[in-house]
Structures are given as C-alpha cells and as structure tokens.
Amino acid sequence: MQMLKDCRCGKCNRLLARTGGFTELQIKCSRCGTLNHVKASSHERSPLSDLKAELSAPNHSTQ
C-alpha cells in the first residue's frame, strides 16, 4: 500500500489533497484563492521501465 502525502496551500497551509504519486499538480485553494503548482522533485522508476531500459540496451558481453 502506498503512503499518501499531504498537499497543503503554500499561503494559508490549508489541506488541499492527499496524493499518492504524481509528476505535476495544479490546484486552487478554496480558502484563500492561491493557485498552487507542485512538481515532483524526482520521478521514481517503475520495475517495468527498468526492464524496458535493460532490454533496449546493446549487449556488450563477450563470448
């Protein structure tokens, strides 16, 4: 189970959402009207994307 993180308004600190994972989020605070724009600091790689990268890499092994 993925842990949810609180997404709070940068001006009034009101809880806007609880997120499990995103690359970018834009949400307007209903209390103060501030438009909050949040981007992920790093994108987590999934096991599937790691497998695709491994399969597409050239094979440099010598036999």
N, C-alpha and C. Protein backbone atom coordinates (compact mmCIF):
# COMPACT_ATOMS: atom_id res chain seq x y z
N MET A 1 0.84 -1.18 0.00
CA MET A 1 0.00 0.00 0.00
C MET A 1 0.88 1.24 0.00
N GLN A 2 0.54 2.20 -0.85
CA GLN A 2 1.34 3.40 -0.99
C GLN A 2 0.93 4.43 0.07
N MET A 3 1.92 5.09 0.64
CA MET A 3 1.67 6.10 1.67
C MET A 3 1.25 7.41 1.00
N LEU A 4 0.20 8.02 1.49
CA LEU A 4 -0.27 9.28 0.95
C LEU A 4 0.42 10.45 1.65
N LYS A 5 0.71 11.50 0.88
CA LYS A 5 1.34 12.70 1.41
C LYS A 5 0.35 13.85 1.34
N ASP A 6 0.39 14.72 2.35
CA ASP A 6 -0.47 15.89 2.36
C ASP A 6 0.04 16.93 1.38
N CYS A 7 -0.88 17.53 0.65
CA CYS A 7 -0.57 18.64 -0.24
C CYS A 7 -1.29 19.85 0.34
N ARG A 8 -0.54 20.82 0.85
CA ARG A 8 -1.11 21.98 1.54
C ARG A 8 -0.86 23.26 0.75
N CYS A 9 -1.75 24.24 0.96
CA CYS A 9 -1.63 25.54 0.32
C CYS A 9 -0.35 26.22 0.81
N GLY A 10 0.39 26.80 -0.12
CA GLY A 10 1.63 27.48 0.23
C GLY A 10 1.42 28.79 0.96
N LYS A 11 0.20 29.35 0.90
CA LYS A 11 -0.07 30.63 1.56
C LYS A 11 -0.74 30.45 2.93
N CYS A 12 -1.83 29.67 2.99
CA CYS A 12 -2.59 29.57 4.24
C CYS A 12 -2.46 28.21 4.93
N ASN A 13 -1.75 27.26 4.30
CA ASN A 13 -1.48 25.93 4.85
C ASN A 13 -2.72 25.02 4.94
N ARG A 14 -3.78 25.36 4.24
CA ARG A 14 -4.98 24.52 4.22
C ARG A 14 -4.67 23.21 3.49
N LEU A 15 -5.18 22.10 4.00
CA LEU A 15 -5.01 20.81 3.33
C LEU A 15 -5.83 20.80 2.06
N LEU A 16 -5.17 20.64 0.92
CA LEU A 16 -5.84 20.66 -0.38
C LEU A 16 -6.13 19.26 -0.89
N ALA A 17 -5.20 18.34 -0.64
CA ALA A 17 -5.35 16.98 -1.16
C ALA A 17 -4.36 16.07 -0.46
N ARG A 18 -4.59 14.80 -0.58
CA ARG A 18 -3.62 13.78 -0.17
C ARG A 18 -3.28 13.03 -1.46
N THR A 19 -2.00 12.97 -1.76
CA THR A 19 -1.58 12.38 -3.03
C THR A 19 -0.71 11.17 -2.81
N GLY A 20 -0.83 10.23 -3.73
CA GLY A 20 -0.04 9.02 -3.66
C GLY A 20 1.12 9.03 -4.63
N GLY A 21 1.05 9.85 -5.61
CA GLY A 21 2.12 9.93 -6.59
C GLY A 21 1.66 10.74 -7.78
N PHE A 22 2.47 11.65 -8.21
CA PHE A 22 2.15 12.48 -9.36
C PHE A 22 3.43 13.09 -9.87
N THR A 23 3.40 13.57 -11.10
CA THR A 23 4.56 14.29 -11.62
C THR A 23 4.33 15.78 -11.56
N GLU A 24 3.04 16.20 -11.64
CA GLU A 24 2.73 17.62 -11.58
C GLU A 24 1.29 17.78 -11.12
N LEU A 25 1.05 18.78 -10.28
CA LEU A 25 -0.28 19.03 -9.75
C LEU A 25 -0.50 20.53 -9.66
N GLN A 26 -1.65 20.99 -10.15
CA GLN A 26 -2.03 22.39 -10.03
C GLN A 26 -3.41 22.42 -9.39
N ILE A 27 -3.54 23.11 -8.25
CA ILE A 27 -4.80 23.12 -7.51
C ILE A 27 -4.98 24.48 -6.86
N LYS A 28 -6.23 24.98 -6.91
CA LYS A 28 -6.55 26.29 -6.34
C LYS A 28 -7.14 26.10 -4.94
N CYS A 29 -6.65 26.87 -4.00
CA CYS A 29 -7.12 26.81 -2.63
C CYS A 29 -8.50 27.46 -2.54
N SER A 30 -9.45 26.75 -1.96
CA SER A 30 -10.80 27.28 -1.83
C SER A 30 -10.92 28.32 -0.71
N ARG A 31 -9.93 28.35 0.18
CA ARG A 31 -9.97 29.30 1.30
C ARG A 31 -9.42 30.67 0.87
N CYS A 32 -8.20 30.70 0.34
CA CYS A 32 -7.56 31.99 0.04
C CYS A 32 -7.45 32.29 -1.46
N GLY A 33 -7.73 31.30 -2.31
CA GLY A 33 -7.71 31.52 -3.75
C GLY A 33 -6.34 31.40 -4.40
N THR A 34 -5.32 31.02 -3.65
CA THR A 34 -3.98 30.86 -4.20
C THR A 34 -3.93 29.66 -5.13
N LEU A 35 -3.31 29.85 -6.31
CA LEU A 35 -3.10 28.75 -7.23
C LEU A 35 -1.78 28.08 -6.89
N ASN A 36 -1.85 26.84 -6.43
CA ASN A 36 -0.68 26.08 -6.01
C ASN A 36 -0.26 25.16 -7.14
N HIS A 37 1.02 25.20 -7.50
CA HIS A 37 1.56 24.38 -8.58
C HIS A 37 2.74 23.59 -8.02
N VAL A 38 2.62 22.28 -8.02
CA VAL A 38 3.63 21.41 -7.42
C VAL A 38 4.14 20.44 -8.47
N LYS A 39 5.46 20.29 -8.53
CA LYS A 39 6.09 19.30 -9.40
C LYS A 39 6.90 18.34 -8.54
N ALA A 40 6.95 17.10 -8.97
CA ALA A 40 7.74 16.10 -8.26
C ALA A 40 9.22 16.46 -8.37
N SER A 41 9.95 16.27 -7.29
CA SER A 41 11.38 16.57 -7.31
C SER A 41 12.17 15.52 -8.08
N SER A 42 11.69 14.28 -8.07
CA SER A 42 12.30 13.22 -8.86
C SER A 42 11.23 12.23 -9.26
N HIS A 43 11.40 11.64 -10.40
CA HIS A 43 10.45 10.68 -10.91
C HIS A 43 10.95 9.27 -10.57
N GLU A 44 10.14 8.54 -9.82
CA GLU A 44 10.53 7.18 -9.45
C GLU A 44 10.35 6.27 -10.65
N ARG A 45 11.32 5.42 -10.88
CA ARG A 45 11.24 4.48 -11.99
C ARG A 45 10.50 3.23 -11.54
N SER A 46 9.67 2.74 -12.41
CA SER A 46 8.94 1.51 -12.11
C SER A 46 9.78 0.31 -12.54
N PRO A 47 9.54 -0.86 -11.99
CA PRO A 47 10.27 -2.05 -12.42
C PRO A 47 10.10 -2.33 -13.91
N LEU A 48 8.94 -2.00 -14.46
CA LEU A 48 8.70 -2.22 -15.89
C LEU A 48 9.60 -1.31 -16.73
N SER A 49 9.76 -0.04 -16.35
CA SER A 49 10.62 0.86 -17.12
C SER A 49 12.08 0.43 -17.01
N ASP A 50 12.49 -0.12 -15.86
CA ASP A 50 13.85 -0.64 -15.71
C ASP A 50 14.07 -1.83 -16.64
N LEU A 51 13.07 -2.69 -16.76
CA LEU A 51 13.17 -3.86 -17.64
C LEU A 51 13.25 -3.42 -19.10
N LYS A 52 12.45 -2.45 -19.50
CA LYS A 52 12.48 -1.94 -20.88
C LYS A 52 13.84 -1.34 -21.20
N ALA A 53 14.42 -0.59 -20.26
CA ALA A 53 15.74 0.01 -20.47
C ALA A 53 16.80 -1.07 -20.62
N GLU A 54 16.69 -2.12 -19.82
CA GLU A 54 17.66 -3.22 -19.87
C GLU A 54 17.56 -3.96 -21.20
N LEU A 55 16.34 -4.18 -21.68
CA LEU A 55 16.14 -4.91 -22.94
C LEU A 55 16.58 -4.10 -24.15
N SER A 56 16.46 -2.76 -24.08
CA SER A 56 16.82 -1.93 -25.23
C SER A 56 18.30 -1.60 -25.26
N ALA A 57 19.03 -1.84 -24.17
CA ALA A 57 20.47 -1.54 -24.13
C ALA A 57 21.21 -2.57 -24.98
N PRO A 58 22.24 -2.11 -25.71
CA PRO A 58 23.03 -3.06 -26.50
C PRO A 58 23.77 -4.05 -25.60
N ASN A 59 23.89 -5.25 -26.07
CA ASN A 59 24.55 -6.32 -25.31
C ASN A 59 26.04 -6.27 -25.59
N HIS A 60 26.86 -5.96 -24.58
CA HIS A 60 28.30 -5.83 -24.74
C HIS A 60 29.06 -7.03 -24.18
N SER A 61 28.40 -8.13 -23.95
CA SER A 61 29.10 -9.28 -23.39
C SER A 61 29.93 -9.97 -24.46
N THR A 62 31.07 -10.51 -24.06
CA THR A 62 31.93 -11.24 -24.99
C THR A 62 31.84 -12.72 -24.68
N GLN A 63 31.84 -13.49 -25.74
CA GLN A 63 31.69 -14.93 -25.56
C GLN A 63 32.93 -15.65 -26.01
